[in-house]
Amino acid sequence: MIQEKTKLWDILDFNENGNIKSFGILITGLKEKESKDRKNTSSQFRDYTPPARYKIGIWQYCKENGKNIFKENIKEIRKEPNKR
């Protein structure tokens, strides 16, 4: 589910020699959709922990010469680390 903190990142990063270092597109800050059971729970039993945030996308890393070495497909929505 998209929320206020959801962001679309498209980044092209270069090495000092001008060749591509990495590039990709990510959607971060996605929220797990709330179930009906959670909404109907009385307030004294609700879980007040912050909602889990997730990301999905694709990222590719390159060698100094610009040749591809690693491609990361983030097909399944993956939990983002907590930022504190």
N, C-alpha and C. Protein backbone atom coordinates (compact mmCIF):
# COMPACT_ATOMS: atom_id res chain seq x y z
N MET A 1 0.85 -1.17 0.00
CA MET A 1 0.00 0.00 0.00
C MET A 1 0.90 1.24 0.00
N ILE A 2 0.58 2.20 -0.82
CA ILE A 2 1.36 3.45 -0.88
C ILE A 2 0.97 4.32 0.31
N GLN A 3 1.97 4.97 0.89
CA GLN A 3 1.73 5.87 2.01
C GLN A 3 2.49 7.17 1.80
N GLU A 4 2.40 8.07 2.76
CA GLU A 4 3.01 9.39 2.63
C GLU A 4 4.52 9.32 2.40
N LYS A 5 5.20 8.34 3.02
CA LYS A 5 6.66 8.24 2.91
C LYS A 5 7.12 7.38 1.74
N THR A 6 6.21 6.92 0.88
CA THR A 6 6.58 6.12 -0.28
C THR A 6 7.34 6.99 -1.28
N LYS A 7 8.46 6.46 -1.79
CA LYS A 7 9.29 7.21 -2.73
C LYS A 7 9.70 6.32 -3.90
N LEU A 8 9.85 6.92 -5.06
CA LEU A 8 10.37 6.25 -6.24
C LEU A 8 11.78 6.77 -6.46
N TRP A 9 12.76 5.86 -6.47
CA TRP A 9 14.15 6.24 -6.66
C TRP A 9 14.62 5.71 -8.01
N ASP A 10 15.15 6.55 -8.84
CA ASP A 10 15.82 6.12 -10.06
C ASP A 10 17.18 6.81 -10.06
N ILE A 11 18.21 6.01 -9.92
CA ILE A 11 19.55 6.58 -9.69
C ILE A 11 20.55 5.99 -10.69
N LEU A 12 21.42 6.83 -11.17
CA LEU A 12 22.52 6.44 -12.04
C LEU A 12 23.78 6.97 -11.36
N ASP A 13 24.63 6.06 -10.87
CA ASP A 13 25.82 6.41 -10.09
C ASP A 13 27.06 6.11 -10.94
N PHE A 14 28.03 7.03 -10.94
CA PHE A 14 29.23 6.88 -11.77
C PHE A 14 30.49 6.74 -10.93
N ASN A 15 31.49 6.00 -11.47
CA ASN A 15 32.84 5.95 -10.89
C ASN A 15 33.56 7.25 -11.24
N GLU A 16 34.70 7.48 -10.61
CA GLU A 16 35.50 8.68 -10.89
C GLU A 16 35.97 8.73 -12.34
N ASN A 17 36.16 7.55 -12.96
CA ASN A 17 36.63 7.51 -14.36
C ASN A 17 35.51 7.75 -15.37
N GLY A 18 34.28 7.96 -14.90
CA GLY A 18 33.16 8.28 -15.78
C GLY A 18 32.30 7.09 -16.18
N ASN A 19 32.75 5.87 -15.88
CA ASN A 19 31.95 4.69 -16.19
C ASN A 19 30.85 4.50 -15.14
N ILE A 20 29.79 3.82 -15.54
CA ILE A 20 28.66 3.59 -14.63
C ILE A 20 29.08 2.65 -13.50
N LYS A 21 28.77 3.04 -12.28
CA LYS A 21 29.06 2.23 -11.09
C LYS A 21 27.84 1.37 -10.73
N SER A 22 26.67 1.97 -10.71
CA SER A 22 25.44 1.24 -10.44
C SER A 22 24.25 2.07 -10.91
N PHE A 23 23.14 1.36 -11.13
CA PHE A 23 21.92 2.05 -11.52
C PHE A 23 20.73 1.16 -11.18
N GLY A 24 19.58 1.78 -11.07
CA GLY A 24 18.39 1.00 -10.78
C GLY A 24 17.19 1.87 -10.47
N ILE A 25 16.12 1.18 -10.16
CA ILE A 25 14.88 1.84 -9.79
C ILE A 25 14.28 1.09 -8.61
N LEU A 26 13.90 1.82 -7.58
CA LEU A 26 13.34 1.23 -6.37
C LEU A 26 12.12 2.03 -5.93
N ILE A 27 11.17 1.33 -5.37
CA ILE A 27 10.05 1.97 -4.69
C ILE A 27 10.20 1.60 -3.22
N THR A 28 10.36 2.62 -2.38
CA THR A 28 10.56 2.38 -0.94
C THR A 28 9.41 2.97 -0.15
N GLY A 29 9.28 2.54 1.09
CA GLY A 29 8.27 3.09 1.98
C GLY A 29 6.88 2.55 1.75
N LEU A 30 6.78 1.36 1.15
CA LEU A 30 5.47 0.75 0.98
C LEU A 30 5.02 0.17 2.32
N LYS A 31 3.74 0.17 2.56
CA LYS A 31 3.19 -0.30 3.84
C LYS A 31 2.34 -1.54 3.58
N GLU A 32 2.42 -2.48 4.51
CA GLU A 32 1.58 -3.67 4.41
C GLU A 32 0.13 -3.26 4.63
N LYS A 33 -0.75 -3.76 3.80
CA LYS A 33 -2.16 -3.41 3.89
C LYS A 33 -2.74 -3.98 5.19
N GLU A 34 -3.50 -3.15 5.92
CA GLU A 34 -4.09 -3.61 7.19
C GLU A 34 -5.23 -4.57 6.91
N SER A 35 -5.33 -5.58 7.78
CA SER A 35 -6.43 -6.53 7.64
C SER A 35 -7.66 -5.98 8.36
N LYS A 36 -8.82 -6.49 7.99
CA LYS A 36 -10.05 -6.06 8.64
C LYS A 36 -10.04 -6.42 10.12
N ASP A 37 -9.44 -7.57 10.47
CA ASP A 37 -9.39 -8.01 11.87
C ASP A 37 -8.66 -6.99 12.74
N ARG A 38 -7.58 -6.42 12.20
CA ARG A 38 -6.79 -5.45 12.98
C ARG A 38 -7.59 -4.18 13.24
N LYS A 39 -8.37 -3.73 12.24
CA LYS A 39 -9.17 -2.52 12.41
C LYS A 39 -10.29 -2.71 13.41
N ASN A 40 -10.84 -3.92 13.47
CA ASN A 40 -11.98 -4.18 14.34
C ASN A 40 -11.58 -4.53 15.77
N THR A 41 -10.31 -4.66 16.05
CA THR A 41 -9.85 -4.99 17.40
C THR A 41 -10.07 -3.80 18.32
N SER A 42 -10.51 -4.07 19.53
CA SER A 42 -10.74 -2.95 20.46
C SER A 42 -9.42 -2.25 20.75
N SER A 43 -9.48 -0.97 21.08
CA SER A 43 -8.27 -0.15 21.23
C SER A 43 -7.33 -0.67 22.31
N GLN A 44 -7.85 -1.35 23.33
CA GLN A 44 -6.96 -1.84 24.39
C GLN A 44 -6.09 -3.00 23.93
N PHE A 45 -6.47 -3.66 22.82
CA PHE A 45 -5.69 -4.79 22.33
C PHE A 45 -4.93 -4.48 21.05
N ARG A 46 -5.02 -3.28 20.54
CA ARG A 46 -4.33 -2.92 19.29
C ARG A 46 -2.83 -2.90 19.47
N ASP A 47 -2.16 -3.25 18.41
CA ASP A 47 -0.70 -3.21 18.38
C ASP A 47 -0.31 -1.82 17.90
N TYR A 48 0.37 -1.05 18.72
CA TYR A 48 0.73 0.32 18.37
C TYR A 48 2.16 0.45 17.83
N THR A 49 2.77 -0.67 17.44
CA THR A 49 4.10 -0.59 16.85
C THR A 49 3.99 0.06 15.48
N PRO A 50 5.04 0.78 15.04
CA PRO A 50 4.96 1.43 13.74
C PRO A 50 4.78 0.38 12.64
N PRO A 51 4.06 0.71 11.57
CA PRO A 51 3.84 -0.27 10.50
C PRO A 51 5.14 -0.62 9.80
N ALA A 52 5.26 -1.87 9.37
CA ALA A 52 6.45 -2.30 8.64
C ALA A 52 6.48 -1.61 7.29
N ARG A 53 7.67 -1.22 6.85
CA ARG A 53 7.82 -0.58 5.55
C ARG A 53 8.60 -1.52 4.64
N TYR A 54 8.27 -1.50 3.35
CA TYR A 54 8.85 -2.44 2.41
C TYR A 54 9.37 -1.73 1.17
N LYS A 55 10.19 -2.46 0.38
CA LYS A 55 10.70 -1.92 -0.88
C LYS A 55 10.64 -3.00 -1.96
N ILE A 56 10.61 -2.56 -3.22
CA ILE A 56 10.60 -3.45 -4.37
C ILE A 56 11.32 -2.74 -5.51
N GLY A 57 12.00 -3.49 -6.38
CA GLY A 57 12.67 -2.85 -7.50
C GLY A 57 13.75 -3.71 -8.12
N ILE A 58 14.67 -3.06 -8.81
CA ILE A 58 15.79 -3.73 -9.46
C ILE A 58 17.03 -2.83 -9.37
N TRP A 59 18.20 -3.46 -9.17
CA TRP A 59 19.45 -2.69 -9.07
C TRP A 59 20.55 -3.46 -9.76
N GLN A 60 21.43 -2.74 -10.47
CA GLN A 60 22.52 -3.37 -11.19
C GLN A 60 23.84 -2.70 -10.84
N TYR A 61 24.85 -3.52 -10.57
CA TYR A 61 26.18 -3.02 -10.20
C TYR A 61 27.16 -3.32 -11.33
N CYS A 62 28.16 -2.45 -11.52
CA CYS A 62 29.12 -2.60 -12.61
C CYS A 62 30.55 -2.50 -12.09
N LYS A 63 31.48 -3.08 -12.89
CA LYS A 63 32.91 -2.98 -12.58
C LYS A 63 33.40 -1.58 -12.92
N GLU A 64 34.67 -1.31 -12.62
CA GLU A 64 35.29 0.00 -12.95
C GLU A 64 35.19 0.31 -14.44
N ASN A 65 35.22 -0.75 -15.29
CA ASN A 65 35.18 -0.55 -16.75
C ASN A 65 33.75 -0.42 -17.28
N GLY A 66 32.75 -0.46 -16.41
CA GLY A 66 31.36 -0.30 -16.81
C GLY A 66 30.64 -1.58 -17.16
N LYS A 67 31.34 -2.74 -17.12
CA LYS A 67 30.72 -4.03 -17.43
C LYS A 67 29.86 -4.50 -16.25
N ASN A 68 28.72 -5.08 -16.55
CA ASN A 68 27.81 -5.57 -15.50
C ASN A 68 28.44 -6.71 -14.72
N ILE A 69 28.32 -6.67 -13.38
CA ILE A 69 28.82 -7.78 -12.57
C ILE A 69 27.73 -8.40 -11.69
N PHE A 70 26.72 -7.62 -11.34
CA PHE A 70 25.72 -8.16 -10.42
C PHE A 70 24.39 -7.43 -10.63
N LYS A 71 23.32 -8.20 -10.71
CA LYS A 71 21.99 -7.62 -10.87
C LYS A 71 21.12 -8.14 -9.73
N GLU A 72 20.55 -7.23 -8.98
CA GLU A 72 19.70 -7.60 -7.85
C GLU A 72 18.24 -7.30 -8.22
N ASN A 73 17.45 -8.36 -8.31
CA ASN A 73 16.02 -8.22 -8.55
C ASN A 73 15.30 -8.30 -7.22
N ILE A 74 14.66 -7.25 -6.84
CA ILE A 74 13.91 -7.24 -5.59
C ILE A 74 12.44 -7.43 -5.99
N LYS A 75 12.12 -8.69 -6.39
CA LYS A 75 10.78 -9.00 -6.88
C LYS A 75 9.78 -9.09 -5.73
N GLU A 76 10.20 -9.79 -4.70
CA GLU A 76 9.34 -9.91 -3.53
C GLU A 76 9.52 -8.67 -2.68
N ILE A 77 8.44 -8.21 -2.14
CA ILE A 77 8.54 -7.02 -1.31
C ILE A 77 9.39 -7.37 -0.09
N ARG A 78 10.45 -6.61 0.12
CA ARG A 78 11.43 -6.88 1.16
C ARG A 78 11.33 -5.82 2.25
N LYS A 79 11.41 -6.24 3.51
CA LYS A 79 11.31 -5.30 4.62
C LYS A 79 12.54 -4.41 4.67
N GLU A 80 12.33 -3.12 4.86
CA GLU A 80 13.41 -2.15 4.99
C GLU A 80 13.92 -2.14 6.43
N PRO A 81 15.21 -1.90 6.64
CA PRO A 81 15.72 -1.77 8.01
C PRO A 81 15.13 -0.53 8.69
N ASN A 82 14.94 -0.63 10.01
CA ASN A 82 14.45 0.52 10.77
C ASN A 82 15.49 1.61 10.77
N LYS A 83 15.06 2.85 10.58
CA LYS A 83 15.98 3.99 10.59
C LYS A 83 15.76 4.76 11.87
N ARG A 84 16.68 4.64 12.80
CA ARG A 84 16.56 5.34 14.10
C ARG A 84 17.79 6.15 14.36
